[in-house]
Amino acid sequence: MHIHIITDLEGISGIGSIDQMNQDSENYRYTLERLMLDVNAAINGAFLGGADSVSVTDGHMRGKNFIDELLDKRALKINLIDFYNQGMHKTTDAFMFVGTHAMPGTLNGFLDHCQSSTSWYNYYINGIRCGEMVQGGAFCGAYGIPVVMASGDEAACKEATDFFGDIAVAPVKKGIGRNKASLYDLDESVKRIENAAKKGIGLIGSIKPLTFTKPLEIKVEFMRSDYCDNAAERPGVTRADARCVVKNIPQITDYMSILI
């Protein structure tokens, strides 16, 4: 049984302020150390649940956030470019999110956004407003792979169950507005992630992959019309109005096919 885990940074434990996401901060090393604690907890939980192998992808920004020497040596690291280009091979049994965040416009969603908090306002698949979790879930679902576990703030965990069903979740904090969060006990948060990953293994077979009716309509609503200008010039993309572009695809072939 093979499990793939993809991480983000906004939803990890121990991070309760937007300032802690600043790569130039002298305390940024702590943020990355928390990331490694969370992902290792999920890796261990997956093995405790019965996984034979686990692979992981650093999914935040350009995928250069892992402290490699702190990564559980049992896990295979797959870099972000390979993840995008190669897709999920069919021997993967389930998918897990660690450190995820809610979609744009989520009340008390800590650092809620989709792809770009500067330029993207809303993202839709077949008219359904969603975010990065659903992007990943739809990509995996196209390969028949279910999402069985997610960790993040309370809003992200609710979003995960709203879209994926009764999966295992591990809330590690509660958003206070957008840029602050009330943290839960750090040791308890790591244990929650481990337990959720272990529980998620037991859900394989009962949780269905997330799928969308084909063909698919991908729509992005930008913050401003000038952000829309460049996107409207991309192949296969049409402009719907001043701030929106649309792309129609026959099916999801890779991760990039569901982006604009």
C-alpha atoms as a PDB file:
ATOM      1  CA  MET A   1       0.000   0.000   0.000  1.00  0.00           C
ATOM      2  CA  HIS A   2       1.495   3.294  -1.116  1.00  0.00           C
ATOM      3  CA  ILE A   3       0.529   6.705   0.327  1.00  0.00           C
ATOM      4  CA  HIS A   4       1.432  10.104  -1.086  1.00  0.00           C
ATOM      5  CA  ILE A   5       1.524  13.186   1.152  1.00  0.00           C
ATOM      6  CA  ILE A   6       1.678  16.759  -0.109  1.00  0.00           C
ATOM      7  CA  THR A   7       2.436  19.584   2.287  1.00  0.00           C
ATOM      8  CA  ASP A   8       1.712  23.268   2.468  1.00  0.00           C
ATOM      9  CA  LEU A   9       2.962  25.767   5.027  1.00  0.00           C
ATOM     10  CA  GLU A  10       0.023  27.932   6.088  1.00  0.00           C
ATOM     11  CA  GLY A  11      -1.759  25.126   7.941  1.00  0.00           C
ATOM     12  CA  ILE A  12       1.071  23.622   9.944  1.00  0.00           C
ATOM     13  CA  SER A  13       1.097  23.569  13.734  1.00  0.00           C
ATOM     14  CA  GLY A  14       2.820  26.284  15.743  1.00  0.00           C
ATOM     15  CA  ILE A  15       2.280  29.032  13.159  1.00  0.00           C
ATOM     16  CA  GLY A  16      -0.275  31.611  14.255  1.00  0.00           C
ATOM     17  CA  SER A  17       0.822  34.830  12.573  1.00  0.00           C
ATOM     18  CA  ILE A  18       1.378  35.935   8.994  1.00  0.00           C
ATOM     19  CA  ASP A  19       4.771  37.255  10.134  1.00  0.00           C
ATOM     20  CA  GLN A  20       5.951  33.681  10.663  1.00  0.00           C
ATOM     21  CA  MET A  21       5.537  33.066   6.937  1.00  0.00           C
ATOM     22  CA  ASN A  22       8.154  35.693   6.059  1.00  0.00           C
ATOM     23  CA  GLN A  23      11.151  33.924   4.533  1.00  0.00           C
ATOM     24  CA  ASP A  24      13.418  36.817   5.515  1.00  0.00           C
ATOM     25  CA  SER A  25      12.524  36.535   9.181  1.00  0.00           C
ATOM     26  CA  GLU A  26      15.206  35.323  11.565  1.00  0.00           C
ATOM     27  CA  ASN A  27      12.588  32.991  13.018  1.00  0.00           C
ATOM     28  CA  TYR A  28      11.689  31.342   9.699  1.00  0.00           C
ATOM     29  CA  ARG A  29      13.795  28.300  10.562  1.00  0.00           C
ATOM     30  CA  TYR A  30      11.280  27.569  13.323  1.00  0.00           C
ATOM     31  CA  THR A  31       8.446  27.614  10.777  1.00  0.00           C
ATOM     32  CA  LEU A  32      10.248  25.034   8.656  1.00  0.00           C
ATOM     33  CA  GLU A  33      11.034  22.895  11.691  1.00  0.00           C
ATOM     34  CA  ARG A  34       7.319  22.806  12.514  1.00  0.00           C
ATOM     35  CA  LEU A  35       6.662  21.711   8.933  1.00  0.00           C
ATOM     36  CA  MET A  36       9.025  18.791   9.360  1.00  0.00           C
ATOM     37  CA  LEU A  37       7.424  17.776  12.656  1.00  0.00           C
ATOM     38  CA  ASP A  38       3.986  17.735  11.048  1.00  0.00           C
ATOM     39  CA  VAL A  39       4.975  15.838   7.911  1.00  0.00           C
ATOM     40  CA  ASN A  40       6.962  13.290   9.909  1.00  0.00           C
ATOM     41  CA  ALA A  41       3.943  12.761  12.145  1.00  0.00           C
ATOM     42  CA  ALA A  42       1.824  12.007   9.081  1.00  0.00           C
ATOM     43  CA  ILE A  43       4.474   9.682   7.674  1.00  0.00           C
ATOM     44  CA  ASN A  44       4.697   7.777  10.950  1.00  0.00           C
ATOM     45  CA  GLY A  45       0.914   7.606  11.237  1.00  0.00           C
ATOM     46  CA  ALA A  46       0.646   6.212   7.735  1.00  0.00           C
ATOM     47  CA  PHE A  47       3.142   3.471   8.521  1.00  0.00           C
ATOM     48  CA  LEU A  48       1.407   2.725  11.806  1.00  0.00           C
ATOM     49  CA  GLY A  49      -1.823   2.369   9.849  1.00  0.00           C
ATOM     50  CA  GLY A  50      -0.308  -0.242   7.581  1.00  0.00           C
ATOM     51  CA  ALA A  51       1.267   1.642   4.673  1.00  0.00           C
ATOM     52  CA  ASP A  52       4.069  -0.225   2.931  1.00  0.00           C
ATOM     53  CA  SER A  53       5.592   2.895   1.406  1.00  0.00           C
ATOM     54  CA  VAL A  54       5.117   6.669   1.667  1.00  0.00           C
ATOM     55  CA  SER A  55       6.193   9.469  -0.656  1.00  0.00           C
ATOM     56  CA  VAL A  56       6.032  13.190   0.104  1.00  0.00           C
ATOM     57  CA  THR A  57       6.027  16.429  -1.885  1.00  0.00           C
ATOM     58  CA  ASP A  58       6.815  19.888  -0.543  1.00  0.00           C
ATOM     59  CA  GLY A  59       3.931  21.804  -2.106  1.00  0.00           C
ATOM     60  CA  HIS A  60       4.476  25.328  -0.765  1.00  0.00           C
ATOM     61  CA  MET A  61       5.517  27.929  -3.321  1.00  0.00           C
ATOM     62  CA  ARG A  62       8.440  26.470  -5.279  1.00  0.00           C
ATOM     63  CA  GLY A  63       8.799  23.446  -3.081  1.00  0.00           C
ATOM     64  CA  LYS A  64      12.002  24.432  -1.292  1.00  0.00           C
ATOM     65  CA  ASN A  65      10.874  24.321   2.320  1.00  0.00           C
ATOM     66  CA  PHE A  66      11.837  20.865   3.550  1.00  0.00           C
ATOM     67  CA  ILE A  67      14.821  20.520   5.855  1.00  0.00           C
ATOM     68  CA  ASP A  68      15.946  17.320   4.188  1.00  0.00           C
ATOM     69  CA  GLU A  69      18.049  16.042   7.070  1.00  0.00           C
ATOM     70  CA  LEU A  70      14.969  16.196   9.323  1.00  0.00           C
ATOM     71  CA  LEU A  71      12.699  14.267   6.952  1.00  0.00           C
ATOM     72  CA  ASP A  72      11.767  10.737   8.057  1.00  0.00           C
ATOM     73  CA  LYS A  73      14.185   8.552   6.102  1.00  0.00           C
ATOM     74  CA  ARG A  74      11.477   6.002   5.347  1.00  0.00           C
ATOM     75  CA  ALA A  75       9.697   8.456   3.036  1.00  0.00           C
ATOM     76  CA  LEU A  76      10.606   9.097  -0.592  1.00  0.00           C
ATOM     77  CA  LYS A  77      10.766  12.791  -1.445  1.00  0.00           C
ATOM     78  CA  ILE A  78       9.319  13.694  -4.854  1.00  0.00           C
ATOM     79  CA  ASN A  79      10.074  17.272  -5.863  1.00  0.00           C
ATOM     80  CA  LEU A  80       7.320  19.592  -6.992  1.00  0.00           C
ATOM     81  CA  ILE A  81       8.248  19.687 -10.678  1.00  0.00           C
ATOM     82  CA  ASP A  82       8.244  15.898 -10.906  1.00  0.00           C
ATOM     83  CA  PHE A  83       4.942  15.796  -9.055  1.00  0.00           C
ATOM     84  CA  TYR A  84       3.379  18.192 -11.562  1.00  0.00           C
ATOM     85  CA  ASN A  85       4.873  16.593 -14.647  1.00  0.00           C
ATOM     86  CA  GLN A  86       4.622  12.908 -13.806  1.00  0.00           C
ATOM     87  CA  GLY A  87       1.326  12.919 -11.958  1.00  0.00           C
ATOM     88  CA  MET A  88       0.276  10.229  -9.498  1.00  0.00           C
ATOM     89  CA  HIS A  89       1.203   6.758 -10.580  1.00  0.00           C
ATOM     90  CA  LYS A  90      -1.539   4.183 -10.371  1.00  0.00           C
ATOM     91  CA  THR A  91       0.055   2.237  -7.532  1.00  0.00           C
ATOM     92  CA  THR A  92      -0.784   5.075  -5.133  1.00  0.00           C
ATOM     93  CA  ASP A  93      -3.641   4.043  -2.866  1.00  0.00           C
ATOM     94  CA  ALA A  94      -4.474   7.319  -1.120  1.00  0.00           C
ATOM     95  CA  PHE A  95      -3.516  10.943  -0.790  1.00  0.00           C
ATOM     96  CA  MET A  96      -3.017  13.062   2.335  1.00  0.00           C
ATOM     97  CA  PHE A  97      -2.696  16.827   2.890  1.00  0.00           C
ATOM     98  CA  VAL A  98      -0.502  18.225   5.660  1.00  0.00           C
ATOM     99  CA  GLY A  99      -0.564  21.929   6.519  1.00  0.00           C
ATOM    100  CA  THR A 100      -3.331  22.865   4.133  1.00  0.00           C
ATOM    101  CA  HIS A 101      -5.406  26.072   4.142  1.00  0.00           C
ATOM    102  CA  ALA A 102      -8.922  27.132   3.211  1.00  0.00           C
ATOM    103  CA  MET A 103     -10.054  28.609  -0.093  1.00  0.00           C
ATOM    104  CA  PRO A 104     -10.303  32.392  -0.632  1.00  0.00           C
ATOM    105  CA  GLY A 105     -13.134  34.138   1.148  1.00  0.00           C
ATOM    106  CA  THR A 106     -13.368  31.666   4.033  1.00  0.00           C
ATOM    107  CA  LEU A 107     -14.367  33.369   7.277  1.00  0.00           C
ATOM    108  CA  ASN A 108     -11.618  32.855   9.872  1.00  0.00           C
ATOM    109  CA  GLY A 109      -9.570  30.831   7.430  1.00  0.00           C
ATOM    110  CA  PHE A 110      -5.938  31.440   8.371  1.00  0.00           C
ATOM    111  CA  LEU A 111      -4.165  32.842   5.283  1.00  0.00           C
ATOM    112  CA  ASP A 112      -6.984  31.686   3.015  1.00  0.00           C
ATOM    113  CA  HIS A 113      -6.173  31.873  -0.713  1.00  0.00           C
ATOM    114  CA  CYS A 114      -5.891  29.885  -3.920  1.00  0.00           C
ATOM    115  CA  GLN A 115      -2.543  29.934  -5.724  1.00  0.00           C
ATOM    116  CA  SER A 116      -1.991  33.684  -5.333  1.00  0.00           C
ATOM    117  CA  SER A 117      -3.361  35.811  -2.512  1.00  0.00           C
ATOM    118  CA  THR A 118      -2.363  38.854  -4.571  1.00  0.00           C
ATOM    119  CA  SER A 119      -4.018  38.176  -7.897  1.00  0.00           C
ATOM    120  CA  TRP A 120      -6.535  35.294  -7.620  1.00  0.00           C
ATOM    121  CA  TYR A 121      -9.900  36.195  -6.112  1.00  0.00           C
ATOM    122  CA  ASN A 122     -11.925  33.030  -6.772  1.00  0.00           C
ATOM    123  CA  TYR A 123     -11.345  29.698  -8.470  1.00  0.00           C
ATOM    124  CA  TYR A 124     -14.038  27.399  -9.872  1.00  0.00           C
ATOM    125  CA  ILE A 125     -14.292  23.906 -11.324  1.00  0.00           C
ATOM    126  CA  ASN A 126     -17.574  23.353 -13.194  1.00  0.00           C
ATOM    127  CA  GLY A 127     -19.041  26.379 -11.449  1.00  0.00           C
ATOM    128  CA  ILE A 128     -18.122  25.141  -7.959  1.00  0.00           C
ATOM    129  CA  ARG A 129     -16.055  27.622  -5.975  1.00  0.00           C
ATOM    130  CA  CYS A 130     -13.127  25.845  -4.393  1.00  0.00           C
ATOM    131  CA  GLY A 131      -9.419  26.088  -3.618  1.00  0.00           C
ATOM    132  CA  GLU A 132      -6.100  24.296  -3.636  1.00  0.00           C
ATOM    133  CA  MET A 133      -7.342  21.278  -1.719  1.00  0.00           C
ATOM    134  CA  VAL A 134      -9.929  20.562  -4.379  1.00  0.00           C
ATOM    135  CA  GLN A 135      -7.372  21.160  -7.116  1.00  0.00           C
ATOM    136  CA  GLY A 136      -5.222  18.437  -5.581  1.00  0.00           C
ATOM    137  CA  GLY A 137      -8.190  16.217  -4.830  1.00  0.00           C
ATOM    138  CA  ALA A 138      -9.548  16.514  -8.376  1.00  0.00           C
ATOM    139  CA  PHE A 139      -6.138  15.730  -9.840  1.00  0.00           C
ATOM    140  CA  CYS A 140      -5.840  12.607  -7.695  1.00  0.00           C
ATOM    141  CA  GLY A 141      -9.462  11.711  -8.327  1.00  0.00           C
ATOM    142  CA  ALA A 142      -8.777  11.633 -12.052  1.00  0.00           C
ATOM    143  CA  TYR A 143      -6.381   8.765 -11.286  1.00  0.00           C
ATOM    144  CA  GLY A 144      -8.904   7.066  -9.014  1.00  0.00           C
ATOM    145  CA  ILE A 145      -7.062   8.092  -5.841  1.00  0.00           C
ATOM    146  CA  PRO A 146      -9.052   9.268  -2.787  1.00  0.00           C
ATOM    147  CA  VAL A 147      -8.037  11.911  -0.263  1.00  0.00           C
ATOM    148  CA  VAL A 148      -8.274  10.277   3.164  1.00  0.00           C
ATOM    149  CA  MET A 149      -6.617  12.756   5.545  1.00  0.00           C
ATOM    150  CA  ALA A 150      -5.955  16.473   5.978  1.00  0.00           C
ATOM    151  CA  SER A 151      -4.400  18.698   8.636  1.00  0.00           C
ATOM    152  CA  GLY A 152      -4.642  22.469   8.936  1.00  0.00           C
ATOM    153  CA  ASP A 153      -6.706  25.058  10.745  1.00  0.00           C
ATOM    154  CA  GLU A 154     -10.334  24.432  11.673  1.00  0.00           C
ATOM    155  CA  ALA A 155     -11.624  26.099   8.494  1.00  0.00           C
ATOM    156  CA  ALA A 156      -9.389  23.984   6.270  1.00  0.00           C
ATOM    157  CA  CYS A 157     -10.418  20.783   8.016  1.00  0.00           C
ATOM    158  CA  LYS A 158     -14.095  21.648   7.559  1.00  0.00           C
ATOM    159  CA  GLU A 159     -13.491  22.371   3.887  1.00  0.00           C
ATOM    160  CA  ALA A 160     -11.771  19.002   3.548  1.00  0.00           C
ATOM    161  CA  THR A 161     -14.737  17.089   4.919  1.00  0.00           C
ATOM    162  CA  ASP A 162     -17.191  19.218   2.927  1.00  0.00           C
ATOM    163  CA  PHE A 163     -15.553  18.153  -0.332  1.00  0.00           C
ATOM    164  CA  PHE A 164     -14.030  14.754   0.373  1.00  0.00           C
ATOM    165  CA  GLY A 165     -16.485  13.244   2.832  1.00  0.00           C
ATOM    166  CA  ASP A 166     -15.871  11.802   6.271  1.00  0.00           C
ATOM    167  CA  ILE A 167     -12.100  11.738   6.002  1.00  0.00           C
ATOM    168  CA  ALA A 168      -9.690  11.918   8.940  1.00  0.00           C
ATOM    169  CA  VAL A 169      -8.773  15.493   9.876  1.00  0.00           C
ATOM    170  CA  ALA A 170      -6.342  17.034  12.333  1.00  0.00           C
ATOM    171  CA  PRO A 171      -7.126  20.646  13.268  1.00  0.00           C
ATOM    172  CA  VAL A 172      -4.050  22.296  14.767  1.00  0.00           C
ATOM    173  CA  LYS A 173      -5.321  25.881  15.223  1.00  0.00           C
ATOM    174  CA  LYS A 174      -8.299  28.181  14.793  1.00  0.00           C
ATOM    175  CA  GLY A 175      -8.159  31.263  12.598  1.00  0.00           C
ATOM    176  CA  ILE A 176      -8.875  34.685  14.095  1.00  0.00           C
ATOM    177  CA  GLY A 177      -9.644  36.702  11.013  1.00  0.00           C
ATOM    178  CA  ARG A 178      -7.191  35.978   8.210  1.00  0.00           C
ATOM    179  CA  ASN A 179      -3.716  36.799   9.498  1.00  0.00           C
ATOM    180  CA  LYS A 180      -3.808  35.372  13.018  1.00  0.00           C
ATOM    181  CA  ALA A 181      -4.687  32.044  14.565  1.00  0.00           C
ATOM    182  CA  SER A 182      -5.116  30.643  18.032  1.00  0.00           C
ATOM    183  CA  LEU A 183      -2.726  27.704  18.322  1.00  0.00           C
ATOM    184  CA  TYR A 184      -3.601  24.385  19.869  1.00  0.00           C
ATOM    185  CA  ASP A 185      -1.127  22.560  22.100  1.00  0.00           C
ATOM    186  CA  LEU A 186       1.884  21.756  19.922  1.00  0.00           C
ATOM    187  CA  ASP A 187       2.491  18.224  21.167  1.00  0.00           C
ATOM    188  CA  GLU A 188      -1.209  17.440  20.934  1.00  0.00           C
ATOM    189  CA  SER A 189      -1.319  18.844  17.392  1.00  0.00           C
ATOM    190  CA  VAL A 190       1.489  16.573  16.219  1.00  0.00           C
ATOM    191  CA  LYS A 191      -0.220  13.600  17.836  1.00  0.00           C
ATOM    192  CA  ARG A 192      -3.496  14.539  16.120  1.00  0.00           C
ATOM    193  CA  ILE A 193      -1.752  14.490  12.750  1.00  0.00           C
ATOM    194  CA  GLU A 194      -0.222  11.099  13.436  1.00  0.00           C
ATOM    195  CA  ASN A 195      -3.553   9.664  14.572  1.00  0.00           C
ATOM    196  CA  ALA A 196      -5.417  11.155  11.606  1.00  0.00           C
ATOM    197  CA  ALA A 197      -2.920   9.667   9.148  1.00  0.00           C
ATOM    198  CA  LYS A 198      -3.242   6.291  10.842  1.00  0.00           C
ATOM    199  CA  LYS A 199      -7.035   6.543  10.743  1.00  0.00           C
ATOM    200  CA  GLY A 200      -6.933   7.647   7.116  1.00  0.00           C
ATOM    201  CA  ILE A 201      -5.317   4.365   6.093  1.00  0.00           C
ATOM    202  CA  GLY A 202      -8.331   2.545   7.491  1.00  0.00           C
ATOM    203  CA  LEU A 203     -10.656   4.664   5.338  1.00  0.00           C
ATOM    204  CA  ILE A 204      -9.168   3.469   2.064  1.00  0.00           C
ATOM    205  CA  GLY A 205     -11.924   1.689   0.207  1.00  0.00           C
ATOM    206  CA  SER A 206     -14.750   3.602   1.854  1.00  0.00           C
ATOM    207  CA  ILE A 207     -13.799   7.139   0.767  1.00  0.00           C
ATOM    208  CA  LYS A 208     -14.516   7.745  -2.903  1.00  0.00           C
ATOM    209  CA  PRO A 209     -12.160   9.764  -5.126  1.00  0.00           C
ATOM    210  CA  LEU A 210     -13.280  13.320  -5.901  1.00  0.00           C
ATOM    211  CA  THR A 211     -14.420  13.472  -9.515  1.00  0.00           C
ATOM    212  CA  PHE A 212     -16.025  16.081 -11.751  1.00  0.00           C
ATOM    213  CA  THR A 213     -18.270  15.659 -14.775  1.00  0.00           C
ATOM    214  CA  LYS A 214     -16.330  15.834 -18.029  1.00  0.00           C
ATOM    215  CA  PRO A 215     -15.603  18.012 -19.909  1.00  0.00           C
ATOM    216  CA  LEU A 216     -14.505  20.463 -17.241  1.00  0.00           C
ATOM    217  CA  GLU A 217     -14.711  24.236 -17.080  1.00  0.00           C
ATOM    218  CA  ILE A 218     -11.897  25.911 -15.152  1.00  0.00           C
ATOM    219  CA  LYS A 219     -12.554  29.522 -14.214  1.00  0.00           C
ATOM    220  CA  VAL A 220     -10.426  32.067 -12.377  1.00  0.00           C
ATOM    221  CA  GLU A 221     -11.722  35.394 -11.134  1.00  0.00           C
ATOM    222  CA  PHE A 222      -8.852  37.819 -10.586  1.00  0.00           C
ATOM    223  CA  MET A 223      -8.582  40.643  -8.090  1.00  0.00           C
ATOM    224  CA  ARG A 224      -8.210  43.266 -10.817  1.00  0.00           C
ATOM    225  CA  SER A 225      -8.757  43.424 -14.554  1.00  0.00           C
ATOM    226  CA  ASP A 226      -5.062  43.989 -15.296  1.00  0.00           C
ATOM    227  CA  TYR A 227      -4.189  40.686 -13.616  1.00  0.00           C
ATOM    228  CA  CYS A 228      -6.600  39.110 -16.073  1.00  0.00           C
ATOM    229  CA  ASP A 229      -4.891  40.618 -19.129  1.00  0.00           C
ATOM    230  CA  ASN A 230      -1.934  38.230 -19.275  1.00  0.00           C
ATOM    231  CA  ALA A 231      -3.967  35.150 -18.358  1.00  0.00           C
ATOM    232  CA  ALA A 232      -6.384  35.831 -21.195  1.00  0.00           C
ATOM    233  CA  GLU A 233      -3.531  35.489 -23.701  1.00  0.00           C
ATOM    234  CA  ARG A 234      -2.630  31.937 -22.697  1.00  0.00           C
ATOM    235  CA  PRO A 235      -3.438  29.037 -25.059  1.00  0.00           C
ATOM    236  CA  GLY A 236      -6.914  27.610 -24.618  1.00  0.00           C
ATOM    237  CA  VAL A 237      -8.033  30.442 -22.317  1.00  0.00           C
ATOM    238  CA  THR A 238     -10.878  32.820 -23.131  1.00  0.00           C
ATOM    239  CA  ARG A 239     -11.878  35.974 -21.355  1.00  0.00           C
ATOM    240  CA  ALA A 240     -15.313  35.886 -19.756  1.00  0.00           C
ATOM    241  CA  ASP A 241     -15.351  39.491 -18.524  1.00  0.00           C
ATOM    242  CA  ALA A 242     -12.994  42.142 -17.182  1.00  0.00           C
ATOM    243  CA  ARG A 243     -11.730  40.006 -14.294  1.00  0.00           C
ATOM    244  CA  CYS A 244     -12.526  36.405 -15.310  1.00  0.00           C
ATOM    245  CA  VAL A 245     -10.982  33.867 -17.654  1.00  0.00           C
ATOM    246  CA  VAL A 246     -12.238  30.389 -18.550  1.00  0.00           C
ATOM    247  CA  LYS A 247     -10.556  27.263 -19.858  1.00  0.00           C
ATOM    248  CA  ASN A 248     -12.400  24.148 -21.017  1.00  0.00           C
ATOM    249  CA  ILE A 249     -10.640  20.798 -20.889  1.00  0.00           C
ATOM    250  CA  PRO A 250     -11.927  17.362 -21.940  1.00  0.00           C
ATOM    251  CA  GLN A 251     -10.419  15.751 -18.851  1.00  0.00           C
ATOM    252  CA  ILE A 252      -7.736  16.211 -16.200  1.00  0.00           C
ATOM    253  CA  THR A 253      -4.480  14.936 -17.669  1.00  0.00           C
ATOM    254  CA  ASP A 254      -2.001  16.438 -15.205  1.00  0.00           C
ATOM    255  CA  TYR A 255      -1.969  18.959 -12.383  1.00  0.00           C
ATOM    256  CA  MET A 256      -1.303  21.898 -14.663  1.00  0.00           C
ATOM    257  CA  SER A 257      -4.389  21.150 -16.738  1.00  0.00           C
ATOM    258  CA  ILE A 258      -6.633  22.415 -13.941  1.00  0.00           C
ATOM    259  CA  LEU A 259      -4.751  25.702 -13.559  1.00  0.00           C
ATOM    260  CA  ILE A 260      -4.951  28.829 -15.689  1.00  0.00           C
END
